[in-house]
Amino acid sequence: NSGMISGDVENAMMCGYLCCYVKLHGGGDDLKVTQDVSCDFLRQMAKHKHAGSTYGTMSLFRTCAALSGNFGNSLRIKTNEEIYEEAVRTKNLFLLHHVCVNQIYIHFYLREYIPLVEFAAAHNLLEAKRTMDIISVFLTGISSLRLARDTHEKKWRKVGERSVEMMARWAPH
């Protein structure tokens, strides 16, 4: 609200997006609350024609919907596939990263471990090149170790151990 009061729409929209992001990935509120907050911010972003935060918030909304099964809303919200295509088309690496992390989140919470690891490998998310990558490396590592335990296949264990090594390298930071 302070950004809107002072006329700093850019800051207000980014804060709105980050609020939704933290609510989803921080586990603070239930998914319905996060979805409702996302809808409110999407209306404001559309009103102020703020496309950058709009696509990121749509992806968060879609993630909440996939995890909760609640797709009901009065807004036209793009699918994660449409948002992914927009990120690729515009070369928006920040948005692309968040769409991919949200997809990993969905696979993880639905216990779709093989699609998760395959998705992470296809999108080059098995290595942490920046702090933002830690979430995908962590979830991919847990999924791979779970697959290794369940299937006794060495390929899953190797991916899991590589994730553990990467997390250990990042731990001091």
N, C-alpha and C. Protein backbone atom coordinates (compact mmCIF):
# COMPACT_ATOMS: atom_id res chain seq x y z
N ASN A 1 0.81 -1.21 0.00
CA ASN A 1 0.00 0.00 0.00
C ASN A 1 0.84 1.26 0.00
N SER A 2 1.98 1.26 0.71
CA SER A 2 2.79 2.48 0.78
C SER A 2 3.30 2.88 -0.59
N GLY A 3 3.64 1.89 -1.44
CA GLY A 3 4.08 2.20 -2.79
C GLY A 3 2.99 2.87 -3.60
N MET A 4 1.77 2.39 -3.47
CA MET A 4 0.64 2.98 -4.20
C MET A 4 0.34 4.38 -3.68
N ILE A 5 0.40 4.55 -2.38
CA ILE A 5 0.12 5.87 -1.78
C ILE A 5 1.13 6.90 -2.26
N SER A 6 2.40 6.48 -2.36
CA SER A 6 3.44 7.42 -2.78
C SER A 6 3.53 7.55 -4.29
N GLY A 7 2.76 6.74 -5.02
CA GLY A 7 2.78 6.82 -6.47
C GLY A 7 3.82 5.92 -7.13
N ASP A 8 4.49 5.11 -6.35
CA ASP A 8 5.51 4.21 -6.89
C ASP A 8 4.86 2.88 -7.29
N VAL A 9 4.20 2.89 -8.44
CA VAL A 9 3.44 1.73 -8.90
C VAL A 9 4.37 0.54 -9.15
N GLU A 10 5.53 0.78 -9.74
CA GLU A 10 6.50 -0.29 -10.03
C GLU A 10 6.86 -1.05 -8.75
N ASN A 11 7.21 -0.32 -7.71
CA ASN A 11 7.57 -0.94 -6.44
C ASN A 11 6.37 -1.66 -5.82
N ALA A 12 5.21 -1.05 -5.88
CA ALA A 12 4.01 -1.66 -5.30
C ALA A 12 3.68 -2.98 -6.00
N MET A 13 3.81 -3.02 -7.32
CA MET A 13 3.50 -4.24 -8.05
C MET A 13 4.52 -5.34 -7.75
N MET A 14 5.79 -4.97 -7.67
CA MET A 14 6.82 -5.97 -7.34
C MET A 14 6.62 -6.49 -5.92
N CYS A 15 6.28 -5.61 -4.99
CA CYS A 15 6.00 -6.05 -3.62
C CYS A 15 4.80 -6.99 -3.57
N GLY A 16 3.78 -6.70 -4.38
CA GLY A 16 2.62 -7.58 -4.46
C GLY A 16 2.99 -8.96 -4.96
N TYR A 17 3.81 -8.99 -6.00
CA TYR A 17 4.27 -10.28 -6.53
C TYR A 17 5.07 -11.04 -5.47
N LEU A 18 6.02 -10.35 -4.83
CA LEU A 18 6.86 -11.01 -3.84
C LEU A 18 6.05 -11.49 -2.64
N CYS A 19 5.01 -10.75 -2.27
CA CYS A 19 4.12 -11.17 -1.19
C CYS A 19 3.48 -12.51 -1.55
N CYS A 20 2.97 -12.62 -2.76
CA CYS A 20 2.36 -13.87 -3.22
C CYS A 20 3.39 -15.00 -3.26
N TYR A 21 4.59 -14.69 -3.73
CA TYR A 21 5.65 -15.68 -3.83
C TYR A 21 6.01 -16.24 -2.46
N VAL A 22 6.19 -15.34 -1.49
CA VAL A 22 6.55 -15.77 -0.14
C VAL A 22 5.42 -16.56 0.50
N LYS A 23 4.18 -16.14 0.26
CA LYS A 23 3.05 -16.89 0.81
C LYS A 23 3.02 -18.31 0.29
N LEU A 24 3.32 -18.51 -0.99
CA LEU A 24 3.31 -19.85 -1.56
C LEU A 24 4.52 -20.66 -1.10
N HIS A 25 5.71 -20.15 -1.34
CA HIS A 25 6.92 -20.92 -1.09
C HIS A 25 7.37 -20.88 0.37
N GLY A 26 6.87 -19.93 1.13
CA GLY A 26 7.22 -19.86 2.54
C GLY A 26 6.29 -20.67 3.42
N GLY A 27 5.16 -21.09 2.85
CA GLY A 27 4.23 -21.93 3.59
C GLY A 27 3.49 -21.20 4.69
N GLY A 28 3.41 -19.88 4.61
CA GLY A 28 2.77 -19.11 5.68
C GLY A 28 1.27 -19.30 5.77
N ASP A 29 0.56 -19.15 4.68
CA ASP A 29 -0.89 -19.26 4.68
C ASP A 29 -1.32 -20.49 3.89
N ASP A 30 -2.60 -20.79 3.98
CA ASP A 30 -3.06 -21.90 3.15
C ASP A 30 -3.17 -21.45 1.69
N LEU A 31 -3.32 -22.40 0.80
CA LEU A 31 -3.31 -22.11 -0.63
C LEU A 31 -4.47 -21.21 -1.05
N LYS A 32 -5.61 -21.36 -0.42
CA LYS A 32 -6.79 -20.55 -0.77
C LYS A 32 -6.50 -19.07 -0.49
N VAL A 33 -5.90 -18.78 0.65
CA VAL A 33 -5.56 -17.39 0.99
C VAL A 33 -4.57 -16.84 -0.04
N THR A 34 -3.55 -17.62 -0.37
CA THR A 34 -2.56 -17.18 -1.35
C THR A 34 -3.22 -16.93 -2.70
N GLN A 35 -4.15 -17.81 -3.07
CA GLN A 35 -4.87 -17.63 -4.34
C GLN A 35 -5.70 -16.35 -4.32
N ASP A 36 -6.39 -16.09 -3.23
CA ASP A 36 -7.21 -14.88 -3.12
C ASP A 36 -6.35 -13.62 -3.19
N VAL A 37 -5.21 -13.64 -2.49
CA VAL A 37 -4.30 -12.49 -2.53
C VAL A 37 -3.77 -12.31 -3.94
N SER A 38 -3.44 -13.42 -4.62
CA SER A 38 -2.94 -13.34 -6.00
C SER A 38 -3.98 -12.70 -6.90
N CYS A 39 -5.24 -13.08 -6.75
CA CYS A 39 -6.31 -12.48 -7.56
C CYS A 39 -6.40 -10.98 -7.33
N ASP A 40 -6.33 -10.56 -6.08
CA ASP A 40 -6.39 -9.13 -5.78
C ASP A 40 -5.24 -8.39 -6.46
N PHE A 41 -4.03 -8.93 -6.35
CA PHE A 41 -2.88 -8.28 -6.98
C PHE A 41 -2.98 -8.31 -8.50
N LEU A 42 -3.51 -9.40 -9.05
CA LEU A 42 -3.67 -9.47 -10.51
C LEU A 42 -4.59 -8.37 -11.02
N ARG A 43 -5.65 -8.10 -10.28
CA ARG A 43 -6.56 -7.01 -10.68
C ARG A 43 -5.82 -5.67 -10.66
N GLN A 44 -5.03 -5.43 -9.62
CA GLN A 44 -4.28 -4.17 -9.53
C GLN A 44 -3.24 -4.09 -10.65
N MET A 45 -2.55 -5.20 -10.91
CA MET A 45 -1.53 -5.20 -11.95
C MET A 45 -2.14 -4.94 -13.32
N ALA A 46 -3.30 -5.54 -13.58
CA ALA A 46 -3.98 -5.30 -14.86
C ALA A 46 -4.40 -3.84 -14.97
N LYS A 47 -4.90 -3.30 -13.88
CA LYS A 47 -5.34 -1.90 -13.87
C LYS A 47 -4.18 -0.96 -14.20
N HIS A 48 -3.00 -1.28 -13.66
CA HIS A 48 -1.83 -0.42 -13.87
C HIS A 48 -0.94 -0.89 -15.02
N LYS A 49 -1.45 -1.89 -15.78
CA LYS A 49 -0.74 -2.40 -16.96
C LYS A 49 0.70 -2.80 -16.64
N HIS A 50 0.84 -3.61 -15.60
CA HIS A 50 2.16 -4.05 -15.15
C HIS A 50 2.36 -5.51 -15.52
N ALA A 51 2.78 -5.76 -16.76
CA ALA A 51 2.85 -7.12 -17.31
C ALA A 51 3.89 -7.99 -16.61
N GLY A 52 5.04 -7.43 -16.24
CA GLY A 52 6.10 -8.23 -15.64
C GLY A 52 5.66 -8.98 -14.40
N SER A 53 5.08 -8.29 -13.47
CA SER A 53 4.61 -8.94 -12.25
C SER A 53 3.35 -9.75 -12.50
N THR A 54 2.57 -9.37 -13.49
CA THR A 54 1.32 -10.08 -13.78
C THR A 54 1.59 -11.53 -14.15
N TYR A 55 2.52 -11.77 -15.06
CA TYR A 55 2.80 -13.14 -15.47
C TYR A 55 3.35 -13.98 -14.32
N GLY A 56 4.22 -13.41 -13.51
CA GLY A 56 4.75 -14.14 -12.35
C GLY A 56 3.66 -14.49 -11.36
N THR A 57 2.74 -13.57 -11.13
CA THR A 57 1.65 -13.82 -10.19
C THR A 57 0.67 -14.83 -10.77
N MET A 58 0.45 -14.79 -12.08
CA MET A 58 -0.40 -15.81 -12.71
C MET A 58 0.19 -17.20 -12.50
N SER A 59 1.49 -17.31 -12.64
CA SER A 59 2.15 -18.60 -12.44
C SER A 59 1.97 -19.07 -11.00
N LEU A 60 2.10 -18.16 -10.05
CA LEU A 60 1.88 -18.51 -8.64
C LEU A 60 0.44 -18.95 -8.41
N PHE A 61 -0.50 -18.23 -9.03
CA PHE A 61 -1.91 -18.59 -8.89
C PHE A 61 -2.14 -20.00 -9.43
N ARG A 62 -1.59 -20.28 -10.61
CA ARG A 62 -1.75 -21.59 -11.22
C ARG A 62 -1.13 -22.69 -10.35
N THR A 63 -0.02 -22.38 -9.71
CA THR A 63 0.60 -23.35 -8.81
C THR A 63 -0.30 -23.66 -7.63
N CYS A 64 -0.86 -22.61 -7.03
CA CYS A 64 -1.81 -22.81 -5.92
C CYS A 64 -3.01 -23.62 -6.38
N ALA A 65 -3.51 -23.31 -7.56
CA ALA A 65 -4.68 -24.02 -8.10
C ALA A 65 -4.36 -25.49 -8.31
N ALA A 66 -3.18 -25.78 -8.86
CA ALA A 66 -2.81 -27.18 -9.10
C ALA A 66 -2.67 -27.94 -7.79
N LEU A 67 -2.15 -27.29 -6.77
CA LEU A 67 -1.94 -27.97 -5.49
C LEU A 67 -3.23 -28.10 -4.68
N SER A 68 -4.14 -27.16 -4.84
CA SER A 68 -5.36 -27.17 -4.03
C SER A 68 -6.56 -27.74 -4.79
N GLY A 69 -6.47 -27.75 -6.12
CA GLY A 69 -7.59 -28.19 -6.93
C GLY A 69 -8.66 -27.12 -7.10
N ASN A 70 -8.40 -25.93 -6.61
CA ASN A 70 -9.36 -24.82 -6.68
C ASN A 70 -8.99 -23.90 -7.84
N PHE A 71 -9.64 -24.08 -8.98
CA PHE A 71 -9.33 -23.27 -10.15
C PHE A 71 -10.33 -22.13 -10.34
N GLY A 72 -11.27 -22.00 -9.41
CA GLY A 72 -12.33 -21.00 -9.56
C GLY A 72 -11.85 -19.58 -9.31
N ASN A 73 -12.12 -18.70 -10.24
CA ASN A 73 -11.88 -17.27 -10.09
C ASN A 73 -12.58 -16.57 -11.25
N SER A 74 -12.67 -15.27 -11.15
CA SER A 74 -13.37 -14.51 -12.18
C SER A 74 -12.41 -13.89 -13.19
N LEU A 75 -11.13 -14.21 -13.09
CA LEU A 75 -10.13 -13.63 -13.97
C LEU A 75 -9.72 -14.61 -15.06
N ARG A 76 -9.28 -14.09 -16.19
CA ARG A 76 -8.70 -14.92 -17.24
C ARG A 76 -7.22 -15.04 -16.90
N ILE A 77 -6.84 -16.21 -16.44
CA ILE A 77 -5.46 -16.43 -16.02
C ILE A 77 -4.82 -17.44 -16.96
N LYS A 78 -3.70 -17.06 -17.53
CA LYS A 78 -3.00 -17.93 -18.47
C LYS A 78 -2.55 -19.21 -17.78
N THR A 79 -2.40 -20.26 -18.58
CA THR A 79 -1.87 -21.52 -18.04
C THR A 79 -0.37 -21.37 -17.83
N ASN A 80 0.22 -22.28 -17.06
CA ASN A 80 1.67 -22.24 -16.87
C ASN A 80 2.39 -22.44 -18.20
N GLU A 81 1.81 -23.23 -19.10
CA GLU A 81 2.42 -23.43 -20.41
C GLU A 81 2.44 -22.12 -21.21
N GLU A 82 1.33 -21.37 -21.16
CA GLU A 82 1.27 -20.08 -21.86
C GLU A 82 2.26 -19.09 -21.26
N ILE A 83 2.38 -19.11 -19.94
CA ILE A 83 3.31 -18.20 -19.27
C ILE A 83 4.75 -18.58 -19.62
N TYR A 84 5.02 -19.88 -19.65
CA TYR A 84 6.34 -20.37 -20.03
C TYR A 84 6.68 -19.89 -21.45
N GLU A 85 5.74 -20.05 -22.37
CA GLU A 85 5.97 -19.61 -23.76
C GLU A 85 6.22 -18.11 -23.83
N GLU A 86 5.51 -17.34 -23.03
CA GLU A 86 5.72 -15.88 -22.98
C GLU A 86 7.11 -15.55 -22.46
N ALA A 87 7.55 -16.27 -21.43
CA ALA A 87 8.88 -16.04 -20.87
C ALA A 87 9.96 -16.36 -21.91
N VAL A 88 9.79 -17.44 -22.65
CA VAL A 88 10.75 -17.81 -23.69
C VAL A 88 10.72 -16.78 -24.81
N ARG A 89 9.52 -16.40 -25.24
CA ARG A 89 9.37 -15.44 -26.35
C ARG A 89 10.02 -14.10 -26.02
N THR A 90 9.84 -13.63 -24.79
CA THR A 90 10.37 -12.32 -24.39
C THR A 90 11.77 -12.41 -23.79
N LYS A 91 12.30 -13.65 -23.69
CA LYS A 91 13.62 -13.87 -23.09
C LYS A 91 13.69 -13.34 -21.66
N ASN A 92 12.57 -13.47 -20.93
CA ASN A 92 12.49 -13.03 -19.54
C ASN A 92 12.97 -14.17 -18.65
N LEU A 93 14.26 -14.17 -18.33
CA LEU A 93 14.86 -15.27 -17.57
C LEU A 93 14.33 -15.35 -16.14
N PHE A 94 14.01 -14.22 -15.54
CA PHE A 94 13.45 -14.21 -14.18
C PHE A 94 12.11 -14.92 -14.16
N LEU A 95 11.24 -14.58 -15.11
CA LEU A 95 9.93 -15.23 -15.20
C LEU A 95 10.09 -16.70 -15.55
N LEU A 96 10.96 -17.02 -16.48
CA LEU A 96 11.20 -18.40 -16.88
C LEU A 96 11.63 -19.24 -15.67
N HIS A 97 12.53 -18.69 -14.88
CA HIS A 97 12.99 -19.40 -13.69
C HIS A 97 11.82 -19.69 -12.74
N HIS A 98 10.99 -18.69 -12.49
CA HIS A 98 9.90 -18.87 -11.54
C HIS A 98 8.83 -19.84 -12.05
N VAL A 99 8.57 -19.81 -13.34
CA VAL A 99 7.62 -20.77 -13.91
C VAL A 99 8.16 -22.19 -13.73
N CYS A 100 9.45 -22.37 -13.98
CA CYS A 100 10.07 -23.70 -13.83
C CYS A 100 10.08 -24.16 -12.38
N VAL A 101 10.43 -23.27 -11.45
CA VAL A 101 10.42 -23.64 -10.03
C VAL A 101 9.00 -23.99 -9.58
N ASN A 102 8.02 -23.24 -10.05
CA ASN A 102 6.64 -23.56 -9.68
C ASN A 102 6.24 -24.92 -10.23
N GLN A 103 6.68 -25.26 -11.44
CA GLN A 103 6.38 -26.58 -12.00
C GLN A 103 7.03 -27.68 -11.16
N ILE A 104 8.26 -27.45 -10.71
CA ILE A 104 8.94 -28.41 -9.85
C ILE A 104 8.16 -28.57 -8.54
N TYR A 105 7.69 -27.45 -7.99
CA TYR A 105 6.89 -27.49 -6.76
C TYR A 105 5.66 -28.37 -6.95
N ILE A 106 4.97 -28.20 -8.06
CA ILE A 106 3.77 -28.98 -8.32
C ILE A 106 4.11 -30.47 -8.38
N HIS A 107 5.14 -30.81 -9.16
CA HIS A 107 5.55 -32.22 -9.26
C HIS A 107 5.92 -32.77 -7.88
N PHE A 108 6.64 -31.98 -7.09
CA PHE A 108 7.10 -32.45 -5.78
C PHE A 108 5.92 -32.75 -4.85
N TYR A 109 5.02 -31.80 -4.74
CA TYR A 109 3.91 -31.99 -3.80
C TYR A 109 2.89 -33.02 -4.28
N LEU A 110 2.87 -33.30 -5.57
CA LEU A 110 2.00 -34.36 -6.08
C LEU A 110 2.74 -35.71 -6.13
N ARG A 111 3.97 -35.69 -5.62
CA ARG A 111 4.82 -36.89 -5.56
C ARG A 111 5.07 -37.49 -6.94
N GLU A 112 5.23 -36.63 -7.91
CA GLU A 112 5.57 -37.03 -9.28
C GLU A 112 7.08 -36.86 -9.46
N TYR A 113 7.84 -37.78 -8.84
CA TYR A 113 9.28 -37.60 -8.74
C TYR A 113 10.02 -37.78 -10.07
N ILE A 114 9.64 -38.74 -10.86
CA ILE A 114 10.33 -38.93 -12.15
C ILE A 114 10.08 -37.73 -13.06
N PRO A 115 8.83 -37.28 -13.24
CA PRO A 115 8.64 -36.07 -14.07
C PRO A 115 9.38 -34.85 -13.52
N LEU A 116 9.49 -34.76 -12.20
CA LEU A 116 10.21 -33.63 -11.59
C LEU A 116 11.68 -33.65 -12.01
N VAL A 117 12.34 -34.78 -11.82
CA VAL A 117 13.77 -34.87 -12.13
C VAL A 117 13.99 -34.68 -13.63
N GLU A 118 13.13 -35.26 -14.44
CA GLU A 118 13.26 -35.10 -15.90
C GLU A 118 13.05 -33.65 -16.31
N PHE A 119 12.08 -32.98 -15.70
CA PHE A 119 11.82 -31.57 -15.99
C PHE A 119 13.03 -30.72 -15.59
N ALA A 120 13.56 -30.98 -14.39
CA ALA A 120 14.72 -30.22 -13.91
C ALA A 120 15.92 -30.41 -14.84
N ALA A 121 16.13 -31.64 -15.29
CA ALA A 121 17.25 -31.91 -16.20
C ALA A 121 17.04 -31.21 -17.54
N ALA A 122 15.82 -31.26 -18.05
CA ALA A 122 15.51 -30.65 -19.35
C ALA A 122 15.67 -29.13 -19.32
N HIS A 123 15.47 -28.54 -18.14
CA HIS A 123 15.56 -27.08 -18.02
C HIS A 123 16.83 -26.63 -17.31
N ASN A 124 17.79 -27.53 -17.24
CA ASN A 124 19.10 -27.21 -16.68
C ASN A 124 19.01 -26.67 -15.25
N LEU A 125 18.18 -27.31 -14.43
CA LEU A 125 17.98 -26.86 -13.05
C LEU A 125 18.61 -27.81 -12.04
N LEU A 126 19.51 -28.65 -12.48
CA LEU A 126 20.16 -29.59 -11.56
C LEU A 126 21.38 -28.96 -10.90
N GLU A 127 21.78 -27.80 -11.33
CA GLU A 127 22.94 -27.12 -10.78
C GLU A 127 22.52 -25.76 -10.25
N ALA A 128 23.06 -25.39 -9.11
CA ALA A 128 22.75 -24.08 -8.53
C ALA A 128 23.79 -23.07 -9.02
N LYS A 129 23.38 -22.22 -9.93
CA LYS A 129 24.27 -21.20 -10.46
C LYS A 129 24.06 -19.87 -9.74
N ARG A 130 22.93 -19.74 -9.08
CA ARG A 130 22.59 -18.52 -8.35
C ARG A 130 21.72 -18.92 -7.18
N THR A 131 21.55 -18.05 -6.24
CA THR A 131 20.81 -18.35 -5.03
C THR A 131 19.40 -18.83 -5.32
N MET A 132 18.76 -18.27 -6.34
CA MET A 132 17.39 -18.65 -6.67
C MET A 132 17.27 -20.14 -7.04
N ASP A 133 18.35 -20.76 -7.47
CA ASP A 133 18.31 -22.15 -7.92
C ASP A 133 18.27 -23.15 -6.78
N ILE A 134 18.52 -22.71 -5.57
CA ILE A 134 18.61 -23.62 -4.43
C ILE A 134 17.31 -24.40 -4.24
N ILE A 135 16.17 -23.77 -4.40
CA ILE A 135 14.89 -24.46 -4.20
C ILE A 135 14.77 -25.64 -5.16
N SER A 136 15.06 -25.41 -6.44
CA SER A 136 14.92 -26.49 -7.41
C SER A 136 15.96 -27.59 -7.16
N VAL A 137 17.16 -27.23 -6.78
CA VAL A 137 18.19 -28.23 -6.48
C VAL A 137 17.77 -29.07 -5.26
N PHE A 138 17.25 -28.41 -4.24
CA PHE A 138 16.81 -29.10 -3.04
C PHE A 138 15.68 -30.09 -3.33
N LEU A 139 14.64 -29.64 -4.03
CA LEU A 139 13.50 -30.50 -4.32
C LEU A 139 13.88 -31.63 -5.28
N THR A 140 14.75 -31.31 -6.24
CA THR A 140 15.22 -32.35 -7.16
C THR A 140 16.05 -33.39 -6.42
N GLY A 141 16.88 -32.94 -5.50
CA GLY A 141 17.71 -33.86 -4.71
C GLY A 141 16.88 -34.79 -3.86
N ILE A 142 15.90 -34.24 -3.15
CA ILE A 142 15.03 -35.08 -2.32
C ILE A 142 14.28 -36.09 -3.19
N SER A 143 13.77 -35.63 -4.32
CA SER A 143 13.02 -36.51 -5.22
C SER A 143 13.91 -37.63 -5.75
N SER A 144 15.13 -37.29 -6.14
CA SER A 144 16.07 -38.28 -6.67
C SER A 144 16.44 -39.31 -5.62
N LEU A 145 16.69 -38.86 -4.41
CA LEU A 145 17.03 -39.80 -3.34
C LEU A 145 15.86 -40.70 -3.01
N ARG A 146 14.65 -40.16 -3.07
CA ARG A 146 13.46 -40.98 -2.86
C ARG A 146 13.34 -42.04 -3.96
N LEU A 147 13.57 -41.63 -5.21
CA LEU A 147 13.54 -42.58 -6.32
C LEU A 147 14.62 -43.65 -6.17
N ALA A 148 15.81 -43.23 -5.73
CA ALA A 148 16.91 -44.18 -5.54
C ALA A 148 16.54 -45.22 -4.48
N ARG A 149 15.92 -44.77 -3.42
CA ARG A 149 15.51 -45.69 -2.35
C ARG A 149 14.43 -46.65 -2.84
N ASP A 150 13.48 -46.13 -3.61
CA ASP A 150 12.35 -46.96 -4.05
C ASP A 150 12.71 -47.92 -5.20
N THR A 151 13.61 -47.49 -6.09
CA THR A 151 13.91 -48.28 -7.29
C THR A 151 15.27 -48.97 -7.25
N HIS A 152 16.14 -48.54 -6.35
CA HIS A 152 17.52 -49.05 -6.25
C HIS A 152 18.32 -48.78 -7.53
N GLU A 153 17.94 -47.75 -8.28
CA GLU A 153 18.67 -47.39 -9.49
C GLU A 153 19.75 -46.35 -9.15
N LYS A 154 20.96 -46.63 -9.62
CA LYS A 154 22.10 -45.76 -9.32
C LYS A 154 21.98 -44.38 -9.93
N LYS A 155 21.30 -44.27 -11.10
CA LYS A 155 21.20 -42.96 -11.75
C LYS A 155 20.50 -41.95 -10.86
N TRP A 156 19.47 -42.37 -10.12
CA TRP A 156 18.75 -41.46 -9.24
C TRP A 156 19.64 -41.08 -8.05
N ARG A 157 20.37 -42.05 -7.54
CA ARG A 157 21.25 -41.76 -6.40
C ARG A 157 22.32 -40.74 -6.78
N LYS A 158 22.88 -40.88 -8.00
CA LYS A 158 23.91 -39.94 -8.45
C LYS A 158 23.36 -38.52 -8.50
N VAL A 159 22.15 -38.35 -9.03
CA VAL A 159 21.53 -37.02 -9.10
C VAL A 159 21.31 -36.48 -7.69
N GLY A 160 20.81 -37.33 -6.80
CA GLY A 160 20.56 -36.92 -5.42
C GLY A 160 21.84 -36.52 -4.69
N GLU A 161 22.87 -37.32 -4.86
CA GLU A 161 24.15 -37.01 -4.20
C GLU A 161 24.75 -35.72 -4.75
N ARG A 162 24.60 -35.50 -6.05
CA ARG A 162 25.10 -34.25 -6.64
C ARG A 162 24.36 -33.05 -6.05
N SER A 163 23.06 -33.21 -5.81
CA SER A 163 22.29 -32.13 -5.19
C SER A 163 22.76 -31.87 -3.77
N VAL A 164 23.03 -32.93 -3.03
CA VAL A 164 23.53 -32.78 -1.66
C VAL A 164 24.87 -32.05 -1.66
N GLU A 165 25.76 -32.41 -2.56
CA GLU A 165 27.05 -31.74 -2.67
C GLU A 165 26.88 -30.25 -2.98
N MET A 166 25.97 -29.96 -3.89
CA MET A 166 25.71 -28.57 -4.26
C MET A 166 25.16 -27.78 -3.08
N MET A 167 24.23 -28.39 -2.35
CA MET A 167 23.66 -27.72 -1.18
C MET A 167 24.74 -27.47 -0.13
N ALA A 168 25.67 -28.42 0.03
CA ALA A 168 26.75 -28.26 0.99
C ALA A 168 27.67 -27.10 0.60
N ARG A 169 27.90 -26.95 -0.72
CA ARG A 169 28.73 -25.82 -1.19
C ARG A 169 28.06 -24.49 -0.92
N TRP A 170 26.73 -24.45 -1.00
CA TRP A 170 25.99 -23.21 -0.80
C TRP A 170 25.71 -22.92 0.68
N ALA A 171 25.83 -23.92 1.53
CA ALA A 171 25.48 -23.77 2.95
C ALA A 171 26.20 -22.61 3.64
N PRO A 172 27.49 -22.39 3.38
CA PRO A 172 28.16 -21.27 4.08
C PRO A 172 27.64 -19.89 3.67
N HIS A 173 26.97 -19.81 2.54
CA HIS A 173 26.50 -18.52 2.06
C HIS A 173 25.16 -18.21 2.64
